């Protein structure tokens, strides 16, 4: 079967990457990044 993932780590990593990507896209388009919830 599938191996167990450390879901807390995966979720925090995805949230972190999403915040970076949103800031990057906001910088590219010259808009302020919306405030994200901290994971």
N, C-alpha and C. Protein backbone atom coordinates (compact mmCIF):
# COMPACT_ATOMS: atom_id res chain seq x y z
N UNK A 1 0.82 -1.20 0.00
CA UNK A 1 0.00 0.00 0.00
C UNK A 1 0.86 1.26 0.00
N UNK A 2 0.22 2.41 -0.01
CA UNK A 2 0.98 3.67 -0.01
C UNK A 2 1.69 3.88 1.32
N UNK A 3 2.86 4.49 1.26
CA UNK A 3 3.58 4.77 2.50
C UNK A 3 2.98 6.00 3.17
N UNK A 4 3.11 6.04 4.48
CA UNK A 4 2.56 7.18 5.23
C UNK A 4 3.38 8.43 4.96
N UNK A 5 2.66 9.54 4.78
CA UNK A 5 3.32 10.83 4.62
C UNK A 5 3.19 11.61 5.92
N UNK A 6 4.20 12.42 6.23
CA UNK A 6 4.03 13.35 7.36
C UNK A 6 3.14 14.51 6.91
N UNK A 7 1.83 14.34 7.08
CA UNK A 7 0.89 15.30 6.51
C UNK A 7 1.07 16.71 7.05
N UNK A 8 1.42 16.84 8.32
CA UNK A 8 1.62 18.18 8.89
C UNK A 8 2.74 18.90 8.16
N UNK A 9 3.78 18.15 7.80
CA UNK A 9 4.91 18.76 7.10
C UNK A 9 4.51 19.12 5.67
N UNK A 10 3.78 18.23 5.01
CA UNK A 10 3.35 18.50 3.64
C UNK A 10 2.43 19.71 3.58
N UNK A 11 1.50 19.82 4.52
CA UNK A 11 0.55 20.93 4.53
C UNK A 11 1.26 22.25 4.80
N UNK A 12 2.20 22.25 5.75
CA UNK A 12 2.92 23.48 6.05
C UNK A 12 3.80 23.89 4.88
N UNK A 13 4.40 22.90 4.19
CA UNK A 13 5.24 23.21 3.03
C UNK A 13 4.40 23.79 1.91
N UNK A 14 3.24 23.21 1.65
CA UNK A 14 2.36 23.72 0.60
C UNK A 14 1.90 25.14 0.92
N UNK A 15 1.55 25.40 2.16
CA UNK A 15 1.15 26.75 2.55
C UNK A 15 2.28 27.75 2.39
N UNK A 16 3.49 27.33 2.74
CA UNK A 16 4.66 28.20 2.60
C UNK A 16 4.92 28.51 1.13
N UNK A 17 4.90 27.49 0.29
CA UNK A 17 5.12 27.70 -1.14
C UNK A 17 4.02 28.56 -1.75
N UNK A 18 2.79 28.38 -1.30
CA UNK A 18 1.69 29.18 -1.83
C UNK A 18 1.87 30.65 -1.48
N UNK A 19 2.35 30.94 -0.27
CA UNK A 19 2.58 32.34 0.10
C UNK A 19 3.71 32.94 -0.72
N UNK A 20 4.76 32.16 -0.97
CA UNK A 20 5.86 32.66 -1.81
C UNK A 20 5.37 32.92 -3.22
N UNK A 21 4.61 31.98 -3.78
CA UNK A 21 4.11 32.16 -5.15
C UNK A 21 3.17 33.34 -5.26
N UNK A 22 2.33 33.56 -4.25
CA UNK A 22 1.40 34.69 -4.31
C UNK A 22 2.17 36.01 -4.26
N UNK A 23 3.21 36.07 -3.44
CA UNK A 23 4.03 37.28 -3.38
C UNK A 23 4.78 37.49 -4.69
N UNK A 24 5.28 36.40 -5.27
CA UNK A 24 5.98 36.51 -6.55
C UNK A 24 5.06 37.01 -7.64
N UNK A 25 3.87 36.43 -7.73
CA UNK A 25 2.92 36.86 -8.76
C UNK A 25 2.49 38.31 -8.53
N UNK A 26 2.29 38.69 -7.27
CA UNK A 26 1.92 40.07 -6.97
C UNK A 26 3.05 41.02 -7.39
N UNK A 27 4.28 40.61 -7.18
CA UNK A 27 5.41 41.44 -7.58
C UNK A 27 5.49 41.56 -9.09
N UNK A 28 5.21 40.48 -9.80
CA UNK A 28 5.26 40.53 -11.26
C UNK A 28 4.18 41.43 -11.83
N UNK A 29 3.02 41.44 -11.21
CA UNK A 29 1.91 42.23 -11.73
C UNK A 29 1.75 43.57 -11.04
N UNK A 30 2.66 43.90 -10.10
CA UNK A 30 2.64 45.19 -9.46
C UNK A 30 1.48 45.41 -8.52
N UNK A 31 0.98 44.33 -7.93
CA UNK A 31 -0.13 44.44 -6.97
C UNK A 31 0.35 43.96 -5.61
N UNK A 32 -0.32 44.44 -4.59
CA UNK A 32 0.00 43.98 -3.24
C UNK A 32 -0.51 42.56 -3.04
N UNK A 33 0.31 41.75 -2.39
CA UNK A 33 -0.12 40.39 -2.09
C UNK A 33 -1.13 40.40 -0.96
N UNK A 34 -2.23 39.67 -1.09
CA UNK A 34 -3.20 39.59 0.01
C UNK A 34 -2.59 38.86 1.20
N UNK A 35 -3.01 39.23 2.38
CA UNK A 35 -2.50 38.57 3.59
C UNK A 35 -2.97 37.12 3.62
N UNK A 36 -2.03 36.23 3.87
CA UNK A 36 -2.36 34.80 3.92
C UNK A 36 -2.39 34.34 5.37
N UNK A 37 -3.20 33.31 5.63
CA UNK A 37 -3.21 32.71 6.96
C UNK A 37 -1.90 31.97 7.18
N UNK A 38 -1.34 32.09 8.37
CA UNK A 38 -0.11 31.36 8.68
C UNK A 38 -0.46 29.93 9.04
N UNK A 39 0.31 29.00 8.52
CA UNK A 39 0.06 27.60 8.84
C UNK A 39 0.91 27.16 10.02
